[in-house]
């Protein structure tokens, strides 16, 4: 295992993360230890088995500020999928990140458009003890719907553990099979007449599982009753909440339709064991489901990830 140290003050092997990534030999498991600082870099990771470890979750920040309404190098609107501060490509299987912040600081979606912090588009990924911070479209878990249309059997398995994820509109979205375990999902305040949406899945019809939130806290600064658990980005969206605590900002009906479409009719939305002042089972959308205990128990890590059992490393031992 190779180890590289990045430090803005010059005390490491490199002063920026881009240079560290460029030095990695493809296929060699590499720990990139990133010391405290704000790294204003747009990062593209296209090599497997890269492990990011931050010195401090709050003080090690990978940050960029691209928004969908901004123009690209050709003078055209950038669009959502080019905005990511950190983009992990499909060939970067086995990517892991520990103890750091990934942020898109472009601003409000109403001004700059969608602004992705992390675009995670690989299989067997682990994100542990990290902060993912933006406004609209914070976390994109690939594949996206156009990839699924080409290959409905794409399986990107991703584990988010003990993370803090902040945003306002569709800020966890995509087609990955992703488990969020013991995470805090924080919905930012919007104008009172506007709703927030925690998730917008586009799960393939061919996959049994999509998003699974287990033992998470759903909270935020949003006004009471203005935050939906999710809405279907495409047909067959799959999102389940198990033993999650829902704060007062959560809307009692839970899930939302996608504008004037019929996508909710095929959506696979469910909950089990929900608690908190934002939860009222009698008010849940009638096209969502409350699981039985036996059904909820099927959402084990081994079942959801179909044979891959992620290893949460002790990141302090890696540095």
Protein backbone atom coordinates (compact mmCIF):
# COMPACT_ATOMS: atom_id res chain seq x y z
CA UNK A 1 0.00 0.00 0.00
CA UNK A 2 1.34 3.40 -1.04
CA UNK A 3 0.93 6.50 1.12
CA UNK A 4 1.05 10.13 -0.02
CA UNK A 5 0.79 13.20 2.21
CA UNK A 6 -0.80 16.41 0.92
CA UNK A 7 -0.30 19.65 2.86
CA UNK A 8 -0.94 23.22 1.76
CA UNK A 9 1.95 24.44 3.91
CA UNK A 10 4.47 22.37 2.02
CA UNK A 11 5.14 19.86 4.79
CA UNK A 12 3.89 16.89 2.76
CA UNK A 13 4.76 15.22 -0.53
CA UNK A 14 2.48 17.57 -2.47
CA UNK A 15 0.72 20.87 -1.81
CA UNK A 16 -2.44 19.97 -3.73
CA UNK A 17 -4.58 16.86 -4.16
CA UNK A 18 -4.51 17.01 -7.97
CA UNK A 19 -0.74 16.47 -8.03
CA UNK A 20 -1.03 13.60 -5.57
CA UNK A 21 -3.64 11.86 -7.73
CA UNK A 22 -1.52 12.32 -10.85
CA UNK A 23 1.39 10.55 -9.16
CA UNK A 24 -0.58 7.40 -8.33
CA UNK A 25 0.19 4.30 -10.36
CA UNK A 26 -3.12 2.84 -11.54
CA UNK A 27 -4.08 -0.30 -9.66
CA UNK A 28 -1.88 0.37 -6.63
CA UNK A 29 -3.89 0.81 -3.43
CA UNK A 30 -2.99 4.32 -2.31
CA UNK A 31 -3.78 6.29 0.83
CA UNK A 32 -3.76 10.03 0.25
CA UNK A 33 -3.55 11.70 3.65
CA UNK A 34 -4.80 15.28 3.34
CA UNK A 35 -3.79 17.69 6.08
CA UNK A 36 -6.03 20.54 7.22
CA UNK A 37 -6.82 23.30 4.78
CA UNK A 38 -9.30 24.37 2.11
CA UNK A 39 -8.29 22.77 -1.18
CA UNK A 40 -9.94 24.72 -3.99
CA UNK A 41 -9.59 22.02 -6.62
CA UNK A 42 -11.94 20.27 -9.01
CA UNK A 43 -10.96 16.63 -8.59
CA UNK A 44 -11.52 13.76 -11.02
CA UNK A 45 -10.64 10.29 -9.71
CA UNK A 46 -10.21 7.68 -12.43
CA UNK A 47 -7.97 5.08 -10.76
CA UNK A 48 -9.12 2.20 -8.53
CA UNK A 49 -8.42 1.72 -4.84
CA UNK A 50 -7.78 5.35 -3.89
CA UNK A 51 -8.33 6.13 -0.20
CA UNK A 52 -8.71 9.74 0.99
CA UNK A 53 -8.07 10.38 4.68
CA UNK A 54 -8.51 13.86 6.14
CA UNK A 55 -6.71 15.20 9.18
CA UNK A 56 -9.90 16.72 10.60
CA UNK A 57 -13.47 16.26 9.36
CA UNK A 58 -14.29 19.96 9.78
CA UNK A 59 -10.94 21.45 8.74
CA UNK A 60 -9.92 19.28 5.78
CA UNK A 61 -12.12 20.65 2.99
CA UNK A 62 -12.19 19.67 -0.70
CA UNK A 63 -14.07 22.58 -2.23
CA UNK A 64 -15.09 23.94 -5.62
CA UNK A 65 -17.82 26.30 -6.79
CA UNK A 66 -19.28 25.23 -10.14
CA UNK A 67 -23.02 25.58 -10.81
CA UNK A 68 -25.15 24.21 -13.65
CA UNK A 69 -26.01 27.69 -14.94
CA UNK A 70 -22.36 28.66 -15.26
CA UNK A 71 -20.62 28.26 -18.61
CA UNK A 72 -18.07 25.61 -19.48
CA UNK A 73 -14.86 25.99 -21.50
CA UNK A 74 -16.95 26.17 -24.69
CA UNK A 75 -19.19 28.92 -23.39
CA UNK A 76 -22.15 26.55 -22.96
CA UNK A 77 -24.19 26.03 -19.77
CA UNK A 78 -22.31 23.54 -17.65
CA UNK A 79 -25.28 21.37 -16.67
CA UNK A 80 -25.61 19.34 -13.49
CA UNK A 81 -23.20 16.50 -14.17
CA UNK A 82 -20.12 18.68 -14.80
CA UNK A 83 -20.43 20.64 -11.57
CA UNK A 84 -19.04 18.12 -9.08
CA UNK A 85 -16.25 19.26 -6.79
CA UNK A 86 -15.14 15.62 -6.57
CA UNK A 87 -16.07 13.24 -9.40
CA UNK A 88 -15.28 9.55 -8.83
CA UNK A 89 -15.42 7.78 -12.19
CA UNK A 90 -16.65 4.22 -12.86
CA UNK A 91 -13.08 2.94 -13.27
CA UNK A 92 -12.26 4.11 -9.71
CA UNK A 93 -13.80 1.02 -8.07
CA UNK A 94 -13.01 0.70 -4.38
CA UNK A 95 -12.80 4.44 -3.66
CA UNK A 96 -12.92 5.31 0.04
CA UNK A 97 -13.01 8.61 1.91
CA UNK A 98 -12.66 9.20 5.65
CA UNK A 99 -12.76 12.16 8.00
CA UNK A 100 -13.06 15.12 5.62
CA UNK A 101 -15.48 17.58 4.00
CA UNK A 102 -16.44 17.67 0.33
CA UNK A 103 -18.21 20.90 -0.56
CA UNK A 104 -19.69 22.77 -3.47
CA UNK A 105 -19.80 26.43 -2.49
CA UNK A 106 -21.48 27.80 -5.63
CA UNK A 107 -24.64 28.82 -3.76
CA UNK A 108 -28.40 28.58 -4.12
CA UNK A 109 -29.90 26.55 -6.92
CA UNK A 110 -32.26 29.40 -7.76
CA UNK A 111 -29.18 31.46 -8.65
CA UNK A 112 -26.45 29.09 -9.89
CA UNK A 113 -28.47 25.97 -10.69
CA UNK A 114 -27.60 22.51 -9.45
CA UNK A 115 -24.20 22.29 -7.77
CA UNK A 116 -22.88 18.82 -6.92
CA UNK A 117 -20.34 18.29 -4.16
CA UNK A 118 -19.64 14.57 -4.69
CA UNK A 119 -20.47 12.61 -7.85
CA UNK A 120 -19.77 9.02 -6.79
CA UNK A 121 -20.09 6.82 -9.86
CA UNK A 122 -18.20 3.65 -8.93
CA UNK A 123 -18.83 0.28 -7.32
CA UNK A 124 -17.66 -0.81 -3.84
CA UNK A 125 -17.27 2.67 -2.39
CA UNK A 126 -17.08 3.60 1.29
CA UNK A 127 -17.62 7.12 2.65
CA UNK A 128 -17.14 7.23 6.42
CA UNK A 129 -17.23 10.09 8.93
CA UNK A 130 -17.40 12.71 6.16
CA UNK A 131 -19.33 15.92 5.56
CA UNK A 132 -21.00 16.44 2.15
CA UNK A 133 -22.14 20.04 1.85
CA UNK A 134 -23.92 22.01 -0.87
CA UNK A 135 -27.43 23.33 -1.67
CA UNK A 136 -29.23 21.70 -4.64
CA UNK A 137 -28.02 18.22 -5.72
CA UNK A 138 -25.29 17.78 -3.10
CA UNK A 139 -24.62 14.05 -3.57
CA UNK A 140 -24.99 12.28 -6.92
CA UNK A 141 -24.73 8.50 -6.60
CA UNK A 142 -24.18 7.20 -10.11
CA UNK A 143 -25.31 5.69 -12.40
CA UNK A 144 -27.64 8.35 -13.73
CA UNK A 145 -30.78 7.50 -15.68
CA UNK A 146 -29.14 7.74 -19.12
CA UNK A 147 -26.53 5.14 -18.06
CA UNK A 148 -29.30 2.87 -16.76
CA UNK A 149 -31.16 3.13 -20.06
CA UNK A 150 -28.06 1.73 -21.79
CA UNK A 151 -27.41 -0.96 -19.15
CA UNK A 152 -30.18 -1.56 -16.59
CA UNK A 153 -27.99 -4.04 -14.70
CA UNK A 154 -25.30 -1.55 -13.64
CA UNK A 155 -24.61 -2.19 -9.97
CA UNK A 156 -22.79 0.54 -8.03
CA UNK A 157 -22.76 -0.41 -4.34
CA UNK A 158 -21.94 2.41 -1.95
CA UNK A 159 -21.86 2.71 1.83
CA UNK A 160 -22.17 6.02 3.67
CA UNK A 161 -21.54 5.62 7.39
CA UNK A 162 -21.60 8.25 10.15
CA UNK A 163 -21.78 11.05 7.56
CA UNK A 164 -23.37 14.50 7.57
CA UNK A 165 -25.14 15.38 4.31
CA UNK A 166 -26.52 18.89 3.81
CA UNK A 167 -28.63 20.45 1.06
CA UNK A 168 -32.11 21.57 0.08
CA UNK A 169 -33.45 20.17 -3.23
CA UNK A 170 -33.00 16.52 -4.36
CA UNK A 171 -29.73 16.58 -2.52
CA UNK A 172 -29.20 12.82 -2.49
CA UNK A 173 -29.97 11.55 -6.00
CA UNK A 174 -29.06 8.91 -8.53
CA UNK A 175 -29.29 5.21 -9.33
CA UNK A 176 -26.78 3.57 -6.99
CA UNK A 177 -27.56 0.86 -4.47
CA UNK A 178 -26.56 2.93 -1.47
CA UNK A 179 -26.84 2.36 2.27
CA UNK A 180 -26.79 5.36 4.61
CA UNK A 181 -26.06 4.14 8.11
CA UNK A 182 -26.19 6.37 11.19
CA UNK A 183 -26.02 9.52 9.04
CA UNK A 184 -27.40 13.00 9.69
CA UNK A 185 -29.34 14.31 6.69
CA UNK A 186 -29.79 18.06 7.10
CA UNK A 187 -32.33 20.03 5.04
CA UNK A 188 -31.58 23.73 4.68
CA UNK A 189 -34.23 26.41 5.03
CA UNK A 190 -35.90 27.59 1.83
CA UNK A 191 -38.59 30.23 1.27
CA UNK A 192 -41.66 28.99 3.13
CA UNK A 193 -43.69 28.34 -0.01
CA UNK A 194 -41.00 26.02 -1.40
CA UNK A 195 -40.52 22.39 -0.40
CA UNK A 196 -37.28 20.53 0.25
CA UNK A 197 -36.57 17.00 -1.00
CA UNK A 198 -34.04 14.76 0.70
CA UNK A 199 -33.79 12.21 -2.12
CA UNK A 200 -34.49 11.78 -5.83
CA UNK A 201 -33.67 8.22 -6.85
CA UNK A 202 -33.59 6.83 -10.39
CA UNK A 203 -33.16 3.16 -9.51
CA UNK A 204 -33.13 0.59 -12.31
CA UNK A 205 -36.28 -1.51 -12.54
CA UNK A 206 -33.99 -4.57 -12.58
CA UNK A 207 -32.53 -3.93 -9.11
CA UNK A 208 -34.25 -5.06 -5.93
CA UNK A 209 -32.67 -2.36 -3.75
CA UNK A 210 -31.92 1.34 -4.16
CA UNK A 211 -31.45 3.81 -1.31
CA UNK A 212 -31.58 2.40 2.22
CA UNK A 213 -31.41 4.76 5.21
CA UNK A 214 -30.84 2.97 8.52
CA UNK A 215 -30.76 4.61 11.95
CA UNK A 216 -30.40 8.08 10.44
CA UNK A 217 -31.43 11.49 11.80
CA UNK A 218 -33.49 13.53 9.34
CA UNK A 219 -33.43 17.12 10.48
CA UNK A 220 -32.55 20.65 9.36
CA UNK A 221 -33.19 24.37 9.50
CA UNK A 222 -36.11 24.09 7.04
CA UNK A 223 -39.52 25.22 8.23
CA UNK A 224 -41.81 22.71 9.92
CA UNK A 225 -43.47 20.31 7.49
CA UNK A 226 -41.63 21.49 4.37
CA UNK A 227 -39.26 18.58 3.74
CA UNK A 228 -40.25 15.49 1.74
CA UNK A 229 -38.35 12.24 2.21
CA UNK A 230 -38.04 11.94 -1.54
CA UNK A 231 -39.55 12.14 -4.98
CA UNK A 232 -38.98 9.82 -7.98
CA UNK A 233 -36.45 11.21 -10.46
CA UNK A 234 -37.45 8.38 -12.78
CA UNK A 235 -39.85 5.44 -12.74
CA UNK A 236 -39.14 2.63 -10.26
CA UNK A 237 -37.30 4.90 -7.83
CA UNK A 238 -36.47 2.83 -4.73
CA UNK A 239 -35.96 4.48 -1.33
CA UNK A 240 -36.50 2.97 2.12
CA UNK A 241 -36.13 4.45 5.61
CA UNK A 242 -35.60 2.03 8.50
CA UNK A 243 -35.51 3.07 12.17
CA UNK A 244 -34.90 6.71 11.30
CA UNK A 245 -35.75 9.72 13.46
CA UNK A 246 -37.71 12.42 11.66
CA UNK A 247 -37.59 15.96 13.00
CA UNK A 248 -40.43 18.49 12.75
CA UNK A 249 -39.25 19.73 9.34
CA UNK A 250 -40.34 16.45 7.69
CA UNK A 251 -43.72 16.46 5.93
CA UNK A 252 -46.13 13.93 7.43
CA UNK A 253 -47.01 12.39 4.05
CA UNK A 254 -43.36 11.51 3.60
CA UNK A 255 -42.97 11.17 -0.14
CA UNK A 256 -43.85 13.48 -3.04
CA UNK A 257 -44.86 13.01 -6.65
CA UNK A 258 -42.50 14.36 -9.31
CA UNK A 259 -44.37 17.41 -10.58
CA UNK A 260 -47.25 16.30 -12.83
CA UNK A 261 -45.80 12.90 -13.81
CA UNK A 262 -47.05 9.42 -12.89
CA UNK A 263 -43.66 8.20 -11.69
CA UNK A 264 -44.97 7.70 -8.16
CA UNK A 265 -47.13 4.83 -9.45
CA UNK A 266 -44.05 2.65 -9.98
CA UNK A 267 -41.95 4.11 -7.14
CA UNK A 268 -40.82 1.66 -4.47
CA UNK A 269 -40.98 3.84 -1.37
CA UNK A 270 -41.23 2.43 2.14
CA UNK A 271 -40.42 2.90 5.81
CA UNK A 272 -40.19 0.86 8.99
CA UNK A 273 -39.72 1.83 12.61
CA UNK A 274 -39.79 5.58 11.98
CA UNK A 275 -39.98 7.87 15.00
CA UNK A 276 -39.90 11.55 15.90
CA UNK A 277 -42.28 14.49 15.71
CA UNK A 278 -42.08 14.54 11.91
CA UNK A 279 -43.52 11.06 11.53
CA UNK A 280 -47.20 10.14 11.42
CA UNK A 281 -47.95 6.80 9.81
CA UNK A 282 -51.61 7.69 9.29
CA UNK A 283 -50.59 10.56 6.97
CA UNK A 284 -48.14 8.70 4.71
CA UNK A 285 -48.73 8.84 0.97
CA UNK A 286 -50.99 5.94 0.03
CA UNK A 287 -48.59 4.85 -2.72
CA UNK A 288 -45.78 4.30 -0.20
CA UNK A 289 -45.51 1.27 2.07
CA UNK A 290 -44.89 0.38 5.70
CA UNK A 291 -42.74 -2.72 5.88
CA UNK A 292 -43.36 -5.64 8.20
CA UNK A 293 -40.58 -6.68 10.59
CA UNK A 294 -39.70 -9.62 8.34
CA UNK A 295 -39.52 -7.34 5.29
CA UNK A 296 -37.36 -4.81 7.15
CA UNK A 297 -34.92 -7.53 8.17
CA UNK A 298 -34.28 -8.24 4.49
CA UNK A 299 -32.45 -4.91 4.26
CA UNK A 300 -29.24 -6.25 5.79
CA UNK A 301 -25.91 -5.08 4.35
CA UNK A 302 -25.21 -8.53 2.91
CA UNK A 303 -28.58 -8.68 1.15
CA UNK A 304 -28.56 -5.13 -0.16
CA UNK A 305 -24.99 -5.30 -1.48
CA UNK A 306 -25.40 -8.76 -3.04
CA UNK A 307 -22.22 -10.44 -1.85
CA UNK A 308 -19.99 -7.44 -1.22
CA UNK A 309 -19.31 -6.82 2.47
CA UNK A 310 -17.70 -3.38 2.89
CA UNK A 311 -14.85 -2.98 5.33
CA UNK A 312 -14.84 0.18 7.42
CA UNK A 313 -11.17 0.83 8.08
CA UNK A 314 -9.74 2.46 11.18
CA UNK A 315 -8.52 5.48 9.23
CA UNK A 316 -6.21 6.58 12.06
CA UNK A 317 -4.19 3.44 11.43
CA UNK A 318 -3.80 4.36 7.76
CA UNK A 319 -1.90 7.62 8.35
